Amino acid sequence: LQLTEPHTLKKQTKLPIAVAIDRSSVRESDKRRRTDSVEKARTPAGGMVVLEFVDLPGDEPGRGRMFSERLDCPYDDVYFEELEPRFFSFNSPFGACPDCSCLGNRMEVDPELVIPD
């Protein structure tokens, strides 16, 4: 990464900023170094890290992979609440299945079984 020319930024413009923290190979001896690098990148980025696999071609779909501690997706604007025990309780509406209300059966009318007047 080289910065040869200074860039001027506009005050009101939001821009994504990418910072290369480290370059490492996948060897067992480098495991601690990779862990430290991910921690170093994760903290200022608010829990998000992108790992770029340089041995893959530039147009390869999996070359840059995003990892996040947060329960949201920056691509799809999907957000999940923090998991709590109430989500796993059938006595709570938060954990209940919306289709069957946690009864295991859905109450539906079968048109084939309806007797006409």
Protein backbone atom coordinates (compact mmCIF):
# COMPACT_ATOMS: atom_id res chain seq x y z
CA LEU A 1 0.00 0.00 0.00
CA GLN A 2 1.50 3.30 -1.07
CA LEU A 3 0.20 6.80 -0.60
CA THR A 4 2.04 8.87 -3.17
CA GLU A 5 -0.34 11.82 -3.48
CA PRO A 6 -2.15 13.56 -0.63
CA HIS A 7 -5.93 13.36 -0.83
CA THR A 8 -8.24 16.14 0.30
CA LEU A 9 -11.48 15.04 1.90
CA LYS A 10 -14.74 16.96 2.07
CA LYS A 11 -16.01 17.50 5.62
CA GLN A 12 -19.57 16.28 5.04
CA THR A 13 -18.74 13.22 2.94
CA LYS A 14 -18.74 9.78 4.57
CA LEU A 15 -16.14 7.50 3.07
CA PRO A 16 -15.19 3.96 3.96
CA ILE A 17 -11.62 3.75 5.15
CA ALA A 18 -9.60 0.58 4.74
CA VAL A 19 -6.36 0.09 6.62
CA ALA A 20 -3.95 -2.77 6.00
CA ILE A 21 -2.87 -4.00 9.43
CA ASP A 22 -0.73 -7.02 8.62
CA ARG A 23 0.24 -9.53 5.98
CA SER A 24 0.55 -13.11 7.12
CA SER A 25 0.66 -16.65 5.83
CA VAL A 26 -1.39 -19.56 7.11
CA ARG A 27 1.18 -21.38 9.20
CA GLU A 28 0.67 -22.66 12.71
CA SER A 29 3.67 -20.63 13.87
CA ASP A 30 1.93 -17.38 12.74
CA LYS A 31 -1.30 -18.09 14.64
CA ARG A 32 -0.52 -15.68 17.51
CA ARG A 33 0.49 -12.95 15.07
CA ARG A 34 -2.76 -13.34 13.10
CA THR A 35 -4.79 -13.22 16.32
CA ASP A 36 -3.05 -10.02 17.41
CA SER A 37 -3.57 -8.45 13.98
CA VAL A 38 -7.30 -9.23 13.97
CA GLU A 39 -7.63 -7.78 17.49
CA LYS A 40 -5.74 -4.67 16.41
CA ALA A 41 -8.04 -4.21 13.39
CA ARG A 42 -11.27 -5.09 15.20
CA THR A 43 -11.09 -2.48 17.94
CA PRO A 44 -11.05 0.78 15.91
CA ALA A 45 -13.38 -0.69 13.28
CA GLY A 46 -16.22 -1.24 15.74
CA GLY A 47 -15.96 -5.01 15.65
CA MET A 48 -15.68 -5.47 11.88
CA VAL A 49 -12.72 -6.99 10.06
CA VAL A 50 -12.18 -7.81 6.39
CA LEU A 51 -9.65 -10.50 5.59
CA GLU A 52 -8.33 -10.45 2.06
CA PHE A 53 -6.89 -13.64 0.66
CA VAL A 54 -4.24 -12.48 -1.79
CA ASP A 55 -3.56 -15.95 -3.20
CA LEU A 56 -7.01 -15.89 -4.87
CA PRO A 57 -7.60 -14.07 -8.18
CA GLY A 58 -8.83 -10.47 -7.86
CA ASP A 59 -12.30 -11.25 -9.21
CA GLU A 60 -12.76 -14.35 -7.02
CA PRO A 61 -15.99 -13.98 -4.99
CA GLY A 62 -14.39 -15.10 -1.72
CA ARG A 63 -11.23 -13.03 -1.91
CA GLY A 64 -12.33 -10.45 0.66
CA ARG A 65 -14.35 -11.88 3.57
CA MET A 66 -16.00 -9.71 6.20
CA PHE A 67 -16.25 -10.82 9.81
CA SER A 68 -18.21 -8.96 12.46
CA GLU A 69 -18.92 -9.14 16.18
CA ARG A 70 -22.07 -7.16 15.66
CA LEU A 71 -25.40 -8.76 14.93
CA ASP A 72 -26.02 -6.95 11.68
CA CYS A 73 -25.16 -7.19 8.01
CA PRO A 74 -23.80 -4.04 6.36
CA TYR A 75 -24.75 -5.33 2.91
CA ASP A 76 -28.39 -6.27 3.50
CA ASP A 77 -29.37 -3.91 6.36
CA VAL A 78 -30.40 -6.89 8.49
CA TYR A 79 -30.14 -6.56 12.27
CA PHE A 80 -30.60 -9.24 14.92
CA GLU A 81 -31.28 -8.62 18.59
CA GLU A 82 -28.86 -9.88 21.21
CA LEU A 83 -29.82 -13.47 22.06
CA GLU A 84 -31.47 -13.91 25.45
CA PRO A 85 -32.99 -16.93 27.23
CA ARG A 86 -36.51 -15.65 26.47
CA PHE A 87 -35.97 -16.41 22.76
CA PHE A 88 -35.69 -20.11 23.62
CA SER A 89 -38.70 -20.32 25.93
CA PHE A 90 -42.01 -21.61 24.61
CA ASN A 91 -43.71 -19.68 27.43
CA SER A 92 -42.57 -16.38 25.95
CA PRO A 93 -43.96 -14.78 22.78
CA PHE A 94 -40.38 -13.85 21.84
CA GLY A 95 -39.43 -17.50 21.47
CA ALA A 96 -42.74 -18.72 20.08
CA CYS A 97 -43.04 -19.76 16.48
CA PRO A 98 -45.24 -17.22 14.68
CA ASP A 99 -46.94 -19.94 12.61
CA CYS A 100 -47.98 -22.37 15.34
CA SER A 101 -47.62 -20.31 18.54
CA CYS A 102 -45.33 -23.08 19.80
CA LEU A 103 -48.08 -25.70 19.76
CA GLY A 104 -46.39 -27.74 17.06
CA ASN A 105 -49.52 -27.62 14.87
CA ARG A 106 -50.91 -24.92 12.64
CA MET A 107 -54.63 -24.30 12.81
CA GLU A 108 -55.72 -24.15 9.17
CA VAL A 109 -58.80 -24.89 7.15
CA ASP A 110 -58.42 -27.61 4.55
CA PRO A 111 -60.68 -26.60 1.63
CA GLU A 112 -60.95 -30.27 0.60
CA LEU A 113 -62.64 -31.17 3.90
CA VAL A 114 -65.11 -28.27 4.07
CA ILE A 115 -68.75 -29.35 3.60
CA PRO A 116 -70.63 -26.89 1.40
CA ASP A 117 -74.10 -25.59 2.42
